[in-house]
Amino acid sequence: MGILEPDERHRRRPRAPGLSKASLGAGTGAKAVVVHSLGHAEAALAAAAALKVPVTLMSGPGAAGYAGPDWFRAVLRQARALHPGVEATAILDCAEAPGRALAALRRGAKAIRLGGNAKARARVATIALAMGARLDDTRYALLDLSGVKDPARAVREFLKGRP
């Protein structure tokens, strides 16, 4: 475990590796890759670069709490340095913690996810908008790289539309 790889025991909701079928079905066609480390982010950006497509990177569930917005920003900065031409959107998951979401916005997050209380979500969404950020509620088809043995290959196949 390095500084850019959070300790596995702090993950809130463990998921099976690979494609998360629970998030499918919204019909939007939007895809996101769930990254848990610098290696995952690099693999996702490398795959997107090879395919010449944009990619959405999402932190693990609740990462704003167990890893923090600065960790996510550092991971993204280092991965983007290796693949500067790749169009990538980054979304930090704040679980059901509006305080964590506000802290992430103060630390410069441009897109966050927040569950829980609708009233609190609406308030955070208004604050995010005022700060030039957004509260993301898109229903994505997700590829969670936790436990995936070959992340680069998995992302390539996912972005090509193959499960």
Protein backbone atom coordinates (compact mmCIF):
# COMPACT_ATOMS: atom_id res chain seq x y z
CA MET A 1 0.00 0.00 0.00
CA GLY A 2 1.51 3.31 -1.11
CA ILE A 3 0.29 6.81 -0.54
CA LEU A 4 -1.61 6.77 -3.83
CA GLU A 5 -3.17 3.39 -3.09
CA PRO A 6 -5.61 3.53 -0.16
CA ASP A 7 -5.69 0.66 2.28
CA GLU A 8 -8.22 -1.97 1.12
CA ARG A 9 -9.83 -2.23 4.56
CA HIS A 10 -11.16 1.32 4.32
CA ARG A 11 -13.39 0.70 1.35
CA ARG A 12 -17.03 1.18 2.33
CA ARG A 13 -18.82 -1.24 0.00
CA PRO A 14 -16.72 -4.04 -1.43
CA ARG A 15 -17.66 -4.96 -4.97
CA ALA A 16 -16.83 -7.84 -7.18
CA PRO A 17 -14.22 -6.86 -9.76
CA GLY A 18 -15.28 -6.06 -13.25
CA LEU A 19 -18.48 -4.75 -14.74
CA SER A 20 -21.03 -3.69 -12.20
CA LYS A 21 -24.35 -4.84 -13.59
CA ALA A 22 -26.26 -3.10 -10.78
CA SER A 23 -25.57 0.26 -12.36
CA LEU A 24 -26.72 -0.71 -15.84
CA GLY A 25 -30.11 -0.04 -17.22
CA ALA A 26 -30.46 3.74 -17.28
CA GLY A 27 -30.17 3.74 -21.06
CA THR A 28 -27.86 6.77 -21.12
CA GLY A 29 -24.95 4.90 -22.66
CA ALA A 30 -22.62 6.70 -20.25
CA LYS A 31 -19.70 4.68 -18.97
CA ALA A 32 -17.33 5.26 -16.05
CA VAL A 33 -14.28 3.44 -14.77
CA VAL A 34 -14.02 3.11 -10.99
CA VAL A 35 -10.40 3.61 -9.94
CA HIS A 36 -8.86 2.77 -6.58
CA SER A 37 -5.20 3.59 -7.22
CA LEU A 38 -2.76 5.46 -9.39
CA GLY A 39 -2.20 2.27 -11.41
CA HIS A 40 -5.91 2.05 -12.16
CA ALA A 41 -6.09 5.68 -13.29
CA GLU A 42 -3.02 5.26 -15.49
CA ALA A 43 -4.45 2.09 -17.06
CA ALA A 44 -7.77 3.81 -17.79
CA LEU A 45 -6.12 6.83 -19.38
CA ALA A 46 -3.75 4.63 -21.40
CA ALA A 47 -6.68 2.62 -22.76
CA ALA A 48 -8.61 5.79 -23.62
CA ALA A 49 -5.51 7.21 -25.34
CA ALA A 50 -5.05 4.04 -27.40
CA LEU A 51 -8.68 4.12 -28.49
CA LYS A 52 -8.73 7.92 -28.91
CA VAL A 53 -11.88 8.24 -26.79
CA PRO A 54 -12.79 10.27 -23.71
CA VAL A 55 -13.12 8.50 -20.38
CA THR A 56 -14.88 9.15 -17.08
CA LEU A 57 -12.94 8.18 -13.98
CA MET A 58 -14.84 7.73 -10.74
CA SER A 59 -13.33 7.19 -7.33
CA GLY A 60 -14.30 4.18 -5.29
CA PRO A 61 -17.52 4.42 -3.27
CA GLY A 62 -17.05 6.87 -0.42
CA ALA A 63 -13.44 7.70 -1.35
CA ALA A 64 -13.92 11.30 -0.23
CA GLY A 65 -14.08 9.90 3.30
CA TYR A 66 -11.47 7.13 3.37
CA ALA A 67 -8.90 8.63 0.98
CA GLY A 68 -9.85 12.29 0.67
CA PRO A 69 -10.10 14.77 -2.17
CA ASP A 70 -6.38 15.55 -2.11
CA TRP A 71 -5.56 11.88 -2.71
CA PHE A 72 -7.93 11.74 -5.69
CA ARG A 73 -6.53 14.97 -7.12
CA ALA A 74 -2.95 13.67 -6.76
CA VAL A 75 -3.83 10.40 -8.50
CA LEU A 76 -5.47 12.27 -11.37
CA ARG A 77 -2.62 14.77 -11.71
CA GLN A 78 0.01 12.03 -11.95
CA ALA A 79 -2.01 9.87 -14.35
CA ARG A 80 -2.80 12.86 -16.58
CA ALA A 81 0.88 13.80 -16.67
CA LEU A 82 1.53 10.48 -18.43
CA HIS A 83 -1.39 10.92 -20.85
CA PRO A 84 -1.88 14.68 -21.28
CA GLY A 85 -3.95 14.50 -24.46
CA VAL A 86 -6.71 12.28 -23.08
CA GLU A 87 -10.08 13.88 -22.42
CA ALA A 88 -10.98 12.67 -18.95
CA THR A 89 -13.72 13.61 -16.51
CA ALA A 90 -13.09 12.84 -12.85
CA ILE A 91 -15.84 12.30 -10.27
CA LEU A 92 -15.21 11.95 -6.53
CA ASP A 93 -17.74 9.79 -4.65
CA CYS A 94 -18.74 11.34 -1.32
CA ALA A 95 -21.13 8.55 -0.22
CA GLU A 96 -23.94 10.06 1.87
CA ALA A 97 -21.78 12.69 3.54
CA PRO A 98 -22.65 16.29 2.58
CA GLY A 99 -19.82 17.57 4.78
CA ARG A 100 -17.32 15.51 2.81
CA ALA A 101 -18.86 16.79 -0.43
CA LEU A 102 -18.47 20.40 0.69
CA ALA A 103 -14.88 19.73 1.76
CA ALA A 104 -14.17 18.20 -1.66
CA LEU A 105 -15.60 21.27 -3.38
CA ARG A 106 -13.43 23.54 -1.21
CA ARG A 107 -10.40 21.45 -2.21
CA GLY A 108 -11.16 21.98 -5.91
CA ALA A 109 -13.25 18.96 -6.96
CA LYS A 110 -15.17 19.79 -10.14
CA ALA A 111 -17.56 16.82 -10.10
CA ILE A 112 -18.82 14.91 -7.08
CA ARG A 113 -21.41 12.26 -6.31
CA LEU A 114 -23.55 12.41 -3.20
CA GLY A 115 -26.27 10.08 -2.01
CA GLY A 116 -28.72 10.36 0.82
CA ASN A 117 -31.02 13.18 1.86
CA ALA A 118 -32.58 14.99 -1.12
CA LYS A 119 -32.66 18.34 0.69
CA ALA A 120 -28.96 18.15 1.54
CA ARG A 121 -28.16 17.07 -2.03
CA ALA A 122 -30.06 20.07 -3.41
CA ARG A 123 -28.13 22.43 -1.14
CA VAL A 124 -24.79 20.89 -2.09
CA ALA A 125 -25.76 21.02 -5.79
CA THR A 126 -26.46 24.77 -5.47
CA ILE A 127 -23.14 25.36 -3.73
CA ALA A 128 -21.30 23.26 -6.30
CA LEU A 129 -22.81 25.25 -9.14
CA ALA A 130 -21.78 28.53 -7.48
CA MET A 131 -18.23 27.15 -7.23
CA GLY A 132 -18.06 26.12 -10.90
CA ALA A 133 -18.52 22.44 -10.08
CA ARG A 134 -21.39 19.99 -10.35
CA LEU A 135 -23.17 17.28 -8.46
CA ASP A 136 -23.18 14.29 -10.80
CA ASP A 137 -26.20 12.01 -10.75
CA THR A 138 -25.66 10.24 -14.07
CA ARG A 139 -26.44 6.53 -14.10
CA TYR A 140 -23.32 4.94 -15.54
CA ALA A 141 -22.41 1.52 -16.70
CA LEU A 142 -19.46 0.97 -14.38
CA LEU A 143 -16.25 -0.96 -14.70
CA ASP A 144 -14.84 -1.33 -11.18
CA LEU A 145 -11.11 -2.09 -11.38
CA SER A 146 -10.87 -3.40 -7.82
CA GLY A 147 -9.33 -6.86 -8.08
CA VAL A 148 -9.03 -6.79 -11.87
CA LYS A 149 -5.77 -8.52 -12.89
CA ASP A 150 -5.24 -6.62 -16.16
CA PRO A 151 -6.84 -3.17 -15.75
CA ALA A 152 -5.60 -1.78 -19.08
CA ARG A 153 -7.12 -4.67 -21.03
CA ALA A 154 -10.36 -4.54 -19.03
CA VAL A 155 -10.74 -0.81 -19.71
CA ARG A 156 -10.00 -1.23 -23.43
CA GLU A 157 -12.68 -3.91 -23.74
CA PHE A 158 -15.13 -1.89 -21.66
CA LEU A 159 -14.64 1.28 -23.71
CA LYS A 160 -15.03 -0.74 -26.92
CA GLY A 161 -18.37 -1.98 -25.64
CA ARG A 162 -17.36 -5.52 -24.80
CA PRO A 163 -18.18 -6.88 -21.33
